[in-house]
């Protein structure tokens, strides 16, 4: 589902992915991130792992994750979109505004 979502127009949005905090397999790599750039995504926040970090750092998209691992995930098409996601003591609601820097991510509630 991450691949399919990043293949759609992002219009400056950030994709938040709940990988259950697992560092066993990467949920985003250079190819998916490049698709996100091509489709106008501003960033990806992964509660889990990513891969290809030297390349991710060169792309015009923000990527935050718990860590990196060279093992790719199996694409099963599972998951849901446009629903609140909770991890790290934070609830991410569609429409919230995210700001990130090298130290972390701040979530601001969407304006009504």
PDB file of N, CA and C in Angstrom:
ATOM      1  N   UNK A   1       0.816  -1.200   0.000  1.00  0.00           N
ATOM      2  CA  UNK A   1       0.000   0.000   0.000  1.00  0.00           C
ATOM      3  C   UNK A   1       0.863   1.268   0.000  1.00  0.00           C
ATOM      4  N   UNK A   2       2.046   1.202   0.604  1.00  0.00           N
ATOM      5  CA  UNK A   2       2.948   2.362   0.595  1.00  0.00           C
ATOM      6  C   UNK A   2       3.323   2.704  -0.843  1.00  0.00           C
ATOM      7  N   UNK A   3       3.669   1.695  -1.614  1.00  0.00           N
ATOM      8  CA  UNK A   3       4.047   1.903  -3.014  1.00  0.00           C
ATOM      9  C   UNK A   3       2.906   2.541  -3.794  1.00  0.00           C
ATOM     10  N   UNK A   4       1.700   2.010  -3.646  1.00  0.00           N
ATOM     11  CA  UNK A   4       0.539   2.534  -4.370  1.00  0.00           C
ATOM     12  C   UNK A   4       0.228   3.967  -3.947  1.00  0.00           C
ATOM     13  N   UNK A   5       0.361   4.257  -2.673  1.00  0.00           N
ATOM     14  CA  UNK A   5       0.056   5.598  -2.179  1.00  0.00           C
ATOM     15  C   UNK A   5       1.057   6.619  -2.708  1.00  0.00           C
ATOM     16  N   UNK A   6       2.342   6.299  -2.668  1.00  0.00           N
ATOM     17  CA  UNK A   6       3.355   7.231  -3.173  1.00  0.00           C
ATOM     18  C   UNK A   6       3.304   7.386  -4.688  1.00  0.00           C
ATOM     19  N   UNK A   7       2.622   6.484  -5.371  1.00  0.00           N
ATOM     20  CA  UNK A   7       2.449   6.589  -6.818  1.00  0.00           C
ATOM     21  C   UNK A   7       1.308   7.544  -7.177  1.00  0.00           C
ATOM     22  N   UNK A   8       0.537   7.962  -6.175  1.00  0.00           N
ATOM     23  CA  UNK A   8      -0.563   8.899  -6.390  1.00  0.00           C
ATOM     24  C   UNK A   8      -0.082  10.323  -6.123  1.00  0.00           C
ATOM     25  N   UNK A   9      -0.811  11.333  -6.636  1.00  0.00           N
ATOM     26  CA  UNK A   9      -0.418  12.717  -6.359  1.00  0.00           C
ATOM     27  C   UNK A   9      -0.404  13.009  -4.862  1.00  0.00           C
ATOM     28  N   UNK A  10       0.699  13.592  -4.380  1.00  0.00           N
ATOM     29  CA  UNK A  10       0.845  13.878  -2.961  1.00  0.00           C
ATOM     30  C   UNK A  10       0.530  15.309  -2.583  1.00  0.00           C
ATOM     31  N   UNK A  11       0.662  16.235  -3.526  1.00  0.00           N
ATOM     32  CA  UNK A  11       0.316  17.633  -3.326  1.00  0.00           C
ATOM     33  C   UNK A  11       0.902  18.213  -2.041  1.00  0.00           C
ATOM     34  N   UNK A  12       2.174  17.907  -1.762  1.00  0.00           N
ATOM     35  CA  UNK A  12       2.850  18.466  -0.597  1.00  0.00           C
ATOM     36  C   UNK A  12       2.527  17.795   0.718  1.00  0.00           C
ATOM     37  N   UNK A  13       1.854  16.664   0.674  1.00  0.00           N
ATOM     38  CA  UNK A  13       1.476  15.947   1.897  1.00  0.00           C
ATOM     39  C   UNK A  13       2.605  15.047   2.397  1.00  0.00           C
ATOM     40  N   UNK A  14       2.441  14.570   3.624  1.00  0.00           N
ATOM     41  CA  UNK A  14       3.379  13.638   4.240  1.00  0.00           C
ATOM     42  C   UNK A  14       2.650  12.327   4.489  1.00  0.00           C
ATOM     43  N   UNK A  15       3.237  11.233   4.059  1.00  0.00           N
ATOM     44  CA  UNK A  15       2.681   9.904   4.304  1.00  0.00           C
ATOM     45  C   UNK A  15       3.222   9.392   5.629  1.00  0.00           C
ATOM     46  N   UNK A  16       2.330   8.993   6.533  1.00  0.00           N
ATOM     47  CA  UNK A  16       2.714   8.431   7.826  1.00  0.00           C
ATOM     48  C   UNK A  16       2.426   6.939   7.781  1.00  0.00           C
ATOM     49  N   UNK A  17       3.461   6.129   8.033  1.00  0.00           N
ATOM     50  CA  UNK A  17       3.362   4.673   7.920  1.00  0.00           C
ATOM     51  C   UNK A  17       3.634   4.037   9.279  1.00  0.00           C
ATOM     52  N   UNK A  18       2.682   3.263   9.765  1.00  0.00           N
ATOM     53  CA  UNK A  18       2.869   2.539  11.023  1.00  0.00           C
ATOM     54  C   UNK A  18       3.379   1.143  10.710  1.00  0.00           C
ATOM     55  N   UNK A  19       4.674   0.958  10.857  1.00  0.00           N
ATOM     56  CA  UNK A  19       5.296  -0.344  10.642  1.00  0.00           C
ATOM     57  C   UNK A  19       5.447  -1.130  11.929  1.00  0.00           C
ATOM     58  N   UNK A  20       4.701  -0.731  12.956  1.00  0.00           N
ATOM     59  CA  UNK A  20       4.748  -1.446  14.222  1.00  0.00           C
ATOM     60  C   UNK A  20       6.067  -1.318  14.963  1.00  0.00           C
ATOM     61  N   UNK A  21       6.907  -0.398  14.520  1.00  0.00           N
ATOM     62  CA  UNK A  21       8.203  -0.214  15.164  1.00  0.00           C
ATOM     63  C   UNK A  21       9.225  -1.275  14.802  1.00  0.00           C
ATOM     64  N   UNK A  22       8.908  -2.103  13.819  1.00  0.00           N
ATOM     65  CA  UNK A  22       9.804  -3.195  13.440  1.00  0.00           C
ATOM     66  C   UNK A  22      10.997  -2.690  12.631  1.00  0.00           C
ATOM     67  N   UNK A  23      12.159  -3.217  12.954  1.00  0.00           N
ATOM     68  CA  UNK A  23      13.368  -2.933  12.181  1.00  0.00           C
ATOM     69  C   UNK A  23      13.796  -4.155  11.376  1.00  0.00           C
ATOM     70  N   UNK A  24      12.891  -5.117  11.215  1.00  0.00           N
ATOM     71  CA  UNK A  24      13.217  -6.353  10.508  1.00  0.00           C
ATOM     72  C   UNK A  24      13.308  -6.159   8.997  1.00  0.00           C
ATOM     73  N   UNK A  25      12.429  -5.325   8.439  1.00  0.00           N
ATOM     74  CA  UNK A  25      12.404  -5.098   6.993  1.00  0.00           C
ATOM     75  C   UNK A  25      12.088  -3.638   6.721  1.00  0.00           C
ATOM     76  N   UNK A  26      12.650  -3.122   5.631  1.00  0.00           N
ATOM     77  CA  UNK A  26      12.443  -1.722   5.260  1.00  0.00           C
ATOM     78  C   UNK A  26      11.111  -1.544   4.547  1.00  0.00           C
ATOM     79  N   UNK A  27      10.383  -0.521   4.938  1.00  0.00           N
ATOM     80  CA  UNK A  27       9.096  -0.231   4.314  1.00  0.00           C
ATOM     81  C   UNK A  27       9.201   0.792   3.192  1.00  0.00           C
ATOM     82  N   UNK A  28      10.299   1.546   3.149  1.00  0.00           N
ATOM     83  CA  UNK A  28      10.532   2.538   2.098  1.00  0.00           C
ATOM     84  C   UNK A  28      12.003   2.488   1.722  1.00  0.00           C
ATOM     85  N   UNK A  29      12.258   2.594   0.425  1.00  0.00           N
ATOM     86  CA  UNK A  29      13.623   2.661  -0.084  1.00  0.00           C
ATOM     87  C   UNK A  29      13.714   3.744  -1.139  1.00  0.00           C
ATOM     88  N   UNK A  30      14.823   3.763  -1.864  1.00  0.00           N
ATOM     89  CA  UNK A  30      15.052   4.833  -2.830  1.00  0.00           C
ATOM     90  C   UNK A  30      14.034   4.874  -3.953  1.00  0.00           C
ATOM     91  N   UNK A  31      13.581   3.731  -4.430  1.00  0.00           N
ATOM     92  CA  UNK A  31      12.629   3.710  -5.550  1.00  0.00           C
ATOM     93  C   UNK A  31      11.285   4.295  -5.126  1.00  0.00           C
ATOM     94  N   UNK A  32      10.770   3.867  -3.973  1.00  0.00           N
ATOM     95  CA  UNK A  32       9.489   4.395  -3.504  1.00  0.00           C
ATOM     96  C   UNK A  32       9.599   5.877  -3.174  1.00  0.00           C
ATOM     97  N   UNK A  33      10.701   6.286  -2.552  1.00  0.00           N
ATOM     98  CA  UNK A  33      10.889   7.701  -2.231  1.00  0.00           C
ATOM     99  C   UNK A  33      10.980   8.539  -3.505  1.00  0.00           C
ATOM    100  N   UNK A  34      11.657   8.031  -4.520  1.00  0.00           N
ATOM    101  CA  UNK A  34      11.743   8.749  -5.799  1.00  0.00           C
ATOM    102  C   UNK A  34      10.364   8.880  -6.435  1.00  0.00           C
ATOM    103  N   UNK A  35       9.529   7.854  -6.299  1.00  0.00           N
ATOM    104  CA  UNK A  35       8.143   7.957  -6.771  1.00  0.00           C
ATOM    105  C   UNK A  35       7.419   9.073  -6.024  1.00  0.00           C
ATOM    106  N   UNK A  36       7.668   9.160  -4.713  1.00  0.00           N
ATOM    107  CA  UNK A  36       7.066  10.225  -3.922  1.00  0.00           C
ATOM    108  C   UNK A  36       7.486  11.600  -4.404  1.00  0.00           C
ATOM    109  N   UNK A  37       8.756  11.765  -4.718  1.00  0.00           N
ATOM    110  CA  UNK A  37       9.254  13.037  -5.250  1.00  0.00           C
ATOM    111  C   UNK A  37       8.542  13.358  -6.556  1.00  0.00           C
ATOM    112  N   UNK A  38       8.503  12.385  -7.443  1.00  0.00           N
ATOM    113  CA  UNK A  38       7.887  12.567  -8.762  1.00  0.00           C
ATOM    114  C   UNK A  38       6.413  12.957  -8.643  1.00  0.00           C
ATOM    115  N   UNK A  39       5.753  12.476  -7.598  1.00  0.00           N
ATOM    116  CA  UNK A  39       4.319  12.711  -7.446  1.00  0.00           C
ATOM    117  C   UNK A  39       3.972  13.797  -6.430  1.00  0.00           C
ATOM    118  N   UNK A  40       4.975  14.578  -6.017  1.00  0.00           N
ATOM    119  CA  UNK A  40       4.716  15.763  -5.218  1.00  0.00           C
ATOM    120  C   UNK A  40       4.553  15.566  -3.723  1.00  0.00           C
ATOM    121  N   UNK A  41       5.006  14.434  -3.179  1.00  0.00           N
ATOM    122  CA  UNK A  41       4.943  14.217  -1.734  1.00  0.00           C
ATOM    123  C   UNK A  41       6.043  15.024  -1.054  1.00  0.00           C
ATOM    124  N   UNK A  42       5.741  15.595   0.111  1.00  0.00           N
ATOM    125  CA  UNK A  42       6.738  16.363   0.860  1.00  0.00           C
ATOM    126  C   UNK A  42       7.575  15.471   1.758  1.00  0.00           C
ATOM    127  N   UNK A  43       6.987  14.364   2.233  1.00  0.00           N
ATOM    128  CA  UNK A  43       7.745  13.519   3.142  1.00  0.00           C
ATOM    129  C   UNK A  43       7.068  12.211   3.459  1.00  0.00           C
ATOM    130  N   UNK A  44       7.831  11.370   4.166  1.00  0.00           N
ATOM    131  CA  UNK A  44       7.350  10.077   4.647  1.00  0.00           C
ATOM    132  C   UNK A  44       7.885   9.892   6.065  1.00  0.00           C
ATOM    133  N   UNK A  45       6.999   9.572   6.998  1.00  0.00           N
ATOM    134  CA  UNK A  45       7.382   9.243   8.369  1.00  0.00           C
ATOM    135  C   UNK A  45       7.061   7.771   8.567  1.00  0.00           C
ATOM    136  N   UNK A  46       8.065   6.980   8.927  1.00  0.00           N
ATOM    137  CA  UNK A  46       7.893   5.532   9.059  1.00  0.00           C
ATOM    138  C   UNK A  46       8.185   5.103  10.494  1.00  0.00           C
ATOM    139  N   UNK A  47       7.194   4.498  11.130  1.00  0.00           N
ATOM    140  CA  UNK A  47       7.414   3.880  12.438  1.00  0.00           C
ATOM    141  C   UNK A  47       7.912   2.470  12.164  1.00  0.00           C
ATOM    142  N   UNK A  48       9.156   2.416  11.741  1.00  0.00           N
ATOM    143  CA  UNK A  48       9.799   1.185  11.312  1.00  0.00           C
ATOM    144  C   UNK A  48      11.087   1.551  10.597  1.00  0.00           C
ATOM    145  N   UNK A  49      11.473   0.726   9.654  1.00  0.00           N
ATOM    146  CA  UNK A  49      12.763   0.896   8.984  1.00  0.00           C
ATOM    147  C   UNK A  49      12.619   1.327   7.529  1.00  0.00           C
ATOM    148  N   UNK A  50      13.690   1.946   7.032  1.00  0.00           N
ATOM    149  CA  UNK A  50      13.840   2.284   5.621  1.00  0.00           C
ATOM    150  C   UNK A  50      15.155   1.680   5.138  1.00  0.00           C
ATOM    151  N   UNK A  51      15.428   1.796   3.858  1.00  0.00           N
ATOM    152  CA  UNK A  51      16.689   1.317   3.295  1.00  0.00           C
ATOM    153  C   UNK A  51      17.209   2.348   2.300  1.00  0.00           C
ATOM    154  N   UNK A  52      18.394   2.119   1.786  1.00  0.00           N
ATOM    155  CA  UNK A  52      19.002   3.007   0.784  1.00  0.00           C
ATOM    156  C   UNK A  52      19.191   4.430   1.321  1.00  0.00           C
ATOM    157  N   UNK A  53      19.551   4.555   2.600  1.00  0.00           N
ATOM    158  CA  UNK A  53      19.623   5.879   3.223  1.00  0.00           C
ATOM    159  C   UNK A  53      20.590   6.857   2.543  1.00  0.00           C
ATOM    160  N   UNK A  54      21.733   6.420   2.004  1.00  0.00           N
ATOM    161  CA  UNK A  54      22.579   7.413   1.323  1.00  0.00           C
ATOM    162  C   UNK A  54      21.859   8.069   0.141  1.00  0.00           C
ATOM    163  N   UNK A  55      21.035   7.312  -0.554  1.00  0.00           N
ATOM    164  CA  UNK A  55      20.281   7.879  -1.680  1.00  0.00           C
ATOM    165  C   UNK A  55      19.103   8.696  -1.167  1.00  0.00           C
ATOM    166  N   UNK A  56      18.407   8.205  -0.138  1.00  0.00           N
ATOM    167  CA  UNK A  56      17.271   8.946   0.416  1.00  0.00           C
ATOM    168  C   UNK A  56      17.686  10.359   0.812  1.00  0.00           C
ATOM    169  N   UNK A  57      18.886  10.500   1.351  1.00  0.00           N
ATOM    170  CA  UNK A  57      19.370  11.815   1.787  1.00  0.00           C
ATOM    171  C   UNK A  57      19.558  12.795   0.639  1.00  0.00           C
ATOM    172  N   UNK A  58      19.667  12.303  -0.589  1.00  0.00           N
ATOM    173  CA  UNK A  58      19.866  13.175  -1.745  1.00  0.00           C
ATOM    174  C   UNK A  58      18.560  13.565  -2.425  1.00  0.00           C
ATOM    175  N   UNK A  59      17.468  12.912  -2.072  1.00  0.00           N
ATOM    176  CA  UNK A  59      16.188  13.157  -2.735  1.00  0.00           C
ATOM    177  C   UNK A  59      15.459  14.341  -2.114  1.00  0.00           C
ATOM    178  N   UNK A  60      14.638  14.985  -2.925  1.00  0.00           N
ATOM    179  CA  UNK A  60      13.881  16.153  -2.480  1.00  0.00           C
ATOM    180  C   UNK A  60      12.582  15.720  -1.793  1.00  0.00           C
ATOM    181  N   UNK A  61      12.738  14.909  -0.744  1.00  0.00           N
ATOM    182  CA  UNK A  61      11.614  14.449   0.062  1.00  0.00           C
ATOM    183  C   UNK A  61      12.166  14.152   1.457  1.00  0.00           C
ATOM    184  N   UNK A  62      11.433  14.567   2.465  1.00  0.00           N
ATOM    185  CA  UNK A  62      11.863  14.274   3.825  1.00  0.00           C
ATOM    186  C   UNK A  62      11.489  12.855   4.208  1.00  0.00           C
ATOM    187  N   UNK A  63      12.418  12.129   4.790  1.00  0.00           N
ATOM    188  CA  UNK A  63      12.146  10.760   5.235  1.00  0.00           C
ATOM    189  C   UNK A  63      12.640  10.612   6.666  1.00  0.00           C
ATOM    190  N   UNK A  64      11.741  10.210   7.552  1.00  0.00           N
ATOM    191  CA  UNK A  64      12.075   9.944   8.951  1.00  0.00           C
ATOM    192  C   UNK A  64      11.683   8.514   9.263  1.00  0.00           C
ATOM    193  N   UNK A  65      12.540   7.801   9.978  1.00  0.00           N
ATOM    194  CA  UNK A  65      12.263   6.418  10.362  1.00  0.00           C
ATOM    195  C   UNK A  65      13.017   6.109  11.642  1.00  0.00           C
ATOM    196  N   UNK A  66      12.686   4.971  12.240  1.00  0.00           N
ATOM    197  CA  UNK A  66      13.392   4.543  13.444  1.00  0.00           C
ATOM    198  C   UNK A  66      14.813   4.095  13.147  1.00  0.00           C
ATOM    199  N   UNK A  67      15.043   3.614  11.932  1.00  0.00           N
ATOM    200  CA  UNK A  67      16.363   3.121  11.568  1.00  0.00           C
ATOM    201  C   UNK A  67      16.369   2.616  10.146  1.00  0.00           C
ATOM    202  N   UNK A  68      17.466   1.986   9.772  1.00  0.00           N
ATOM    203  CA  UNK A  68      17.579   1.442   8.419  1.00  0.00           C
ATOM    204  C   UNK A  68      18.018  -0.011   8.481  1.00  0.00           C
ATOM    205  N   UNK A  69      17.647  -0.732   7.449  1.00  0.00           N
ATOM    206  CA  UNK A  69      17.994  -2.141   7.309  1.00  0.00           C
ATOM    207  C   UNK A  69      18.019  -2.434   5.807  1.00  0.00           C
ATOM    208  N   UNK A  70      18.920  -3.271   5.329  1.00  0.00           N
ATOM    209  CA  UNK A  70      19.007  -3.506   3.893  1.00  0.00           C
ATOM    210  C   UNK A  70      17.956  -4.459   3.328  1.00  0.00           C
ATOM    211  N   UNK A  71      17.133  -5.040   4.173  1.00  0.00           N
ATOM    212  CA  UNK A  71      16.168  -6.053   3.718  1.00  0.00           C
ATOM    213  C   UNK A  71      14.859  -5.381   3.318  1.00  0.00           C
ATOM    214  N   UNK A  72      14.422  -5.628   2.088  1.00  0.00           N
ATOM    215  CA  UNK A  72      13.168  -5.032   1.617  1.00  0.00           C
ATOM    216  C   UNK A  72      11.975  -5.806   2.156  1.00  0.00           C
ATOM    217  N   UNK A  73      10.852  -5.124   2.230  1.00  0.00           N
ATOM    218  CA  UNK A  73       9.627  -5.762   2.710  1.00  0.00           C
ATOM    219  C   UNK A  73       8.932  -6.498   1.569  1.00  0.00           C
ATOM    220  N   UNK A  74       8.000  -7.331   1.936  1.00  0.00           N
ATOM    221  CA  UNK A  74       7.152  -8.017   0.965  1.00  0.00           C
ATOM    222  C   UNK A  74       5.942  -7.126   0.728  1.00  0.00           C
ATOM    223  N   UNK A  75       5.654  -6.826  -0.524  1.00  0.00           N
ATOM    224  CA  UNK A  75       4.524  -5.961  -0.856  1.00  0.00           C
ATOM    225  C   UNK A  75       3.248  -6.797  -0.900  1.00  0.00           C
ATOM    226  N   UNK A  76       2.392  -6.614   0.110  1.00  0.00           N
ATOM    227  CA  UNK A  76       1.147  -7.375   0.191  1.00  0.00           C
ATOM    228  C   UNK A  76      -0.081  -6.521  -0.093  1.00  0.00           C
ATOM    229  N   UNK A  77       0.093  -5.225  -0.215  1.00  0.00           N
ATOM    230  CA  UNK A  77      -1.044  -4.346  -0.446  1.00  0.00           C
ATOM    231  C   UNK A  77      -1.928  -4.172   0.774  1.00  0.00           C
ATOM    232  N   UNK A  78      -1.405  -4.516   1.947  1.00  0.00           N
ATOM    233  CA  UNK A  78      -2.194  -4.410   3.172  1.00  0.00           C
ATOM    234  C   UNK A  78      -2.131  -3.001   3.736  1.00  0.00           C
ATOM    235  N   UNK A  79      -3.122  -2.665   4.533  1.00  0.00           N
ATOM    236  CA  UNK A  79      -3.135  -1.388   5.220  1.00  0.00           C
ATOM    237  C   UNK A  79      -4.359  -0.575   4.865  1.00  0.00           C
ATOM    238  N   UNK A  80      -4.464   0.579   5.488  1.00  0.00           N
ATOM    239  CA  UNK A  80      -5.563   1.501   5.233  1.00  0.00           C
ATOM    240  C   UNK A  80      -4.983   2.901   5.063  1.00  0.00           C
ATOM    241  N   UNK A  81      -5.712   3.740   4.360  1.00  0.00           N
ATOM    242  CA  UNK A  81      -5.281   5.121   4.151  1.00  0.00           C
ATOM    243  C   UNK A  81      -6.329   6.064   4.727  1.00  0.00           C
ATOM    244  N   UNK A  82      -5.915   7.307   4.931  1.00  0.00           N
ATOM    245  CA  UNK A  82      -6.805   8.355   5.447  1.00  0.00           C
ATOM    246  C   UNK A  82      -7.477   7.960   6.752  1.00  0.00           C
ATOM    247  N   UNK A  83      -6.680   7.433   7.668  1.00  0.00           N
ATOM    248  CA  UNK A  83      -7.175   7.058   8.989  1.00  0.00           C
ATOM    249  C   UNK A  83      -6.141   7.484  10.029  1.00  0.00           C
ATOM    250  N   UNK A  84      -6.559   7.815  11.240  1.00  0.00           N
ATOM    251  CA  UNK A  84      -5.574   8.165  12.264  1.00  0.00           C
ATOM    252  C   UNK A  84      -4.599   7.018  12.534  1.00  0.00           C
ATOM    253  N   UNK A  85      -3.361   7.381  12.810  1.00  0.00           N
ATOM    254  CA  UNK A  85      -2.300   6.420  13.115  1.00  0.00           C
ATOM    255  C   UNK A  85      -1.665   6.868  14.431  1.00  0.00           C
ATOM    256  N   UNK A  86      -1.448   5.926  15.342  1.00  0.00           N
ATOM    257  CA  UNK A  86      -0.866   6.283  16.639  1.00  0.00           C
ATOM    258  C   UNK A  86       0.386   5.468  16.910  1.00  0.00           C
ATOM    259  N   UNK A  87       1.463   6.162  17.248  1.00  0.00           N
ATOM    260  CA  UNK A  87       2.688   5.521  17.713  1.00  0.00           C
ATOM    261  C   UNK A  87       3.555   6.570  18.386  1.00  0.00           C
ATOM    262  N   UNK A  88       4.456   6.117  19.230  1.00  0.00           N
ATOM    263  CA  UNK A  88       5.354   7.034  19.928  1.00  0.00           C
ATOM    264  C   UNK A  88       4.637   8.031  20.819  1.00  0.00           C
ATOM    265  N   UNK A  89       3.449   7.671  21.282  1.00  0.00           N
ATOM    266  CA  UNK A  89       2.693   8.575  22.127  1.00  0.00           C
ATOM    267  C   UNK A  89       2.016   9.710  21.384  1.00  0.00           C
ATOM    268  N   UNK A  90       1.963   9.618  20.061  1.00  0.00           N
ATOM    269  CA  UNK A  90       1.373  10.669  19.234  1.00  0.00           C
ATOM    270  C   UNK A  90       0.309  10.060  18.335  1.00  0.00           C
ATOM    271  N   UNK A  91      -0.792  10.784  18.166  1.00  0.00           N
ATOM    272  CA  UNK A  91      -1.814  10.378  17.206  1.00  0.00           C
ATOM    273  C   UNK A  91      -1.693  11.298  15.993  1.00  0.00           C
ATOM    274  N   UNK A  92      -1.461  10.711  14.841  1.00  0.00           N
ATOM    275  CA  UNK A  92      -1.378  11.444  13.576  1.00  0.00           C
ATOM    276  C   UNK A  92      -2.744  11.340  12.902  1.00  0.00           C
ATOM    277  N   UNK A  93      -3.385  12.473  12.669  1.00  0.00           N
ATOM    278  CA  UNK A  93      -4.710  12.503  12.065  1.00  0.00           C
ATOM    279  C   UNK A  93      -4.577  13.089  10.660  1.00  0.00           C
ATOM    280  N   UNK A  94      -5.245  12.488   9.661  1.00  0.00           N
ATOM    281  CA  UNK A  94      -5.178  13.070   8.320  1.00  0.00           C
ATOM    282  C   UNK A  94      -5.516  14.560   8.359  1.00  0.00           C
ATOM    283  N   UNK A  95      -4.687  15.350   7.728  1.00  0.00           N
ATOM    284  CA  UNK A  95      -4.858  16.793   7.718  1.00  0.00           C
ATOM    285  C   UNK A  95      -3.978  17.523   8.712  1.00  0.00           C
ATOM    286  N   UNK A  96      -3.400  16.800   9.686  1.00  0.00           N
ATOM    287  CA  UNK A  96      -2.461  17.427  10.614  1.00  0.00           C
ATOM    288  C   UNK A  96      -1.273  17.992   9.840  1.00  0.00           C
ATOM    289  N   UNK A  97      -0.612  18.966  10.424  1.00  0.00           N
ATOM    290  CA  UNK A  97       0.577  19.563   9.819  1.00  0.00           C
ATOM    291  C   UNK A  97       1.801  18.996  10.531  1.00  0.00           C
ATOM    292  N   UNK A  98       2.750  18.482   9.764  1.00  0.00           N
ATOM    293  CA  UNK A  98       3.976  17.923  10.329  1.00  0.00           C
ATOM    294  C   UNK A  98       5.154  18.809   9.959  1.00  0.00           C
ATOM    295  N   UNK A  99       6.009  19.064  10.941  1.00  0.00           N
ATOM    296  CA  UNK A  99       7.267  19.777  10.714  1.00  0.00           C
ATOM    297  C   UNK A  99       8.376  18.863  11.208  1.00  0.00           C
ATOM    298  N   UNK A 100       9.432  18.738  10.421  1.00  0.00           N
ATOM    299  CA  UNK A 100      10.529  17.844  10.800  1.00  0.00           C
ATOM    300  C   UNK A 100      11.864  18.540  10.613  1.00  0.00           C
ATOM    301  N   UNK A 101      12.816  18.131  11.440  1.00  0.00           N
ATOM    302  CA  UNK A 101      14.202  18.534  11.277  1.00  0.00           C
ATOM    303  C   UNK A 101      15.046  17.314  11.649  1.00  0.00           C
ATOM    304  N   UNK A 102      16.361  17.433  11.640  1.00  0.00           N
ATOM    305  CA  UNK A 102      17.176  16.251  11.943  1.00  0.00           C
ATOM    306  C   UNK A 102      16.916  15.632  13.316  1.00  0.00           C
ATOM    307  N   UNK A 103      16.320  16.385  14.236  1.00  0.00           N
ATOM    308  CA  UNK A 103      16.079  15.865  15.580  1.00  0.00           C
ATOM    309  C   UNK A 103      14.732  15.188  15.770  1.00  0.00           C
ATOM    310  N   UNK A 104      13.788  15.398  14.862  1.00  0.00           N
ATOM    311  CA  UNK A 104      12.491  14.756  15.056  1.00  0.00           C
ATOM    312  C   UNK A 104      11.374  15.399  14.275  1.00  0.00           C
ATOM    313  N   UNK A 105      10.147  15.033  14.669  1.00  0.00           N
ATOM    314  CA  UNK A 105       8.936  15.474  13.983  1.00  0.00           C
ATOM    315  C   UNK A 105       7.993  16.096  15.008  1.00  0.00           C
ATOM    316  N   UNK A 106       7.406  17.228  14.657  1.00  0.00           N
ATOM    317  CA  UNK A 106       6.395  17.883  15.479  1.00  0.00           C
ATOM    318  C   UNK A 106       5.082  17.830  14.711  1.00  0.00           C
ATOM    319  N   UNK A 107       4.001  17.493  15.419  1.00  0.00           N
ATOM    320  CA  UNK A 107       2.682  17.397  14.796  1.00  0.00           C
ATOM    321  C   UNK A 107       1.802  18.514  15.331  1.00  0.00           C
ATOM    322  N   UNK A 108       1.217  19.280  14.417  1.00  0.00           N
ATOM    323  CA  UNK A 108       0.271  20.326  14.785  1.00  0.00           C
ATOM    324  C   UNK A 108      -1.105  19.921  14.277  1.00  0.00           C
ATOM    325  N   UNK A 109      -2.126  20.016  15.131  1.00  0.00           N
ATOM    326  CA  UNK A 109      -3.470  19.635  14.684  1.00  0.00           C
ATOM    327  C   UNK A 109      -3.906  20.474  13.491  1.00  0.00           C
ATOM    328  N   UNK A 110      -4.678  19.853  12.617  1.00  0.00           N
ATOM    329  CA  UNK A 110      -5.205  20.558  11.452  1.00  0.00           C
ATOM    330  C   UNK A 110      -6.120  21.682  11.914  1.00  0.00           C
ATOM    331  N   UNK A 111      -6.113  22.774  11.169  1.00  0.00           N
ATOM    332  CA  UNK A 111      -7.026  23.870  11.477  1.00  0.00           C
ATOM    333  C   UNK A 111      -8.407  23.495  10.981  1.00  0.00           C
ATOM    334  N   UNK A 112      -9.407  23.868  11.762  1.00  0.00           N
ATOM    335  CA  UNK A 112     -10.796  23.560  11.360  1.00  0.00           C
ATOM    336  C   UNK A 112     -11.259  24.461  10.264  1.00  0.00           C
TER     337      UNK A 112
END
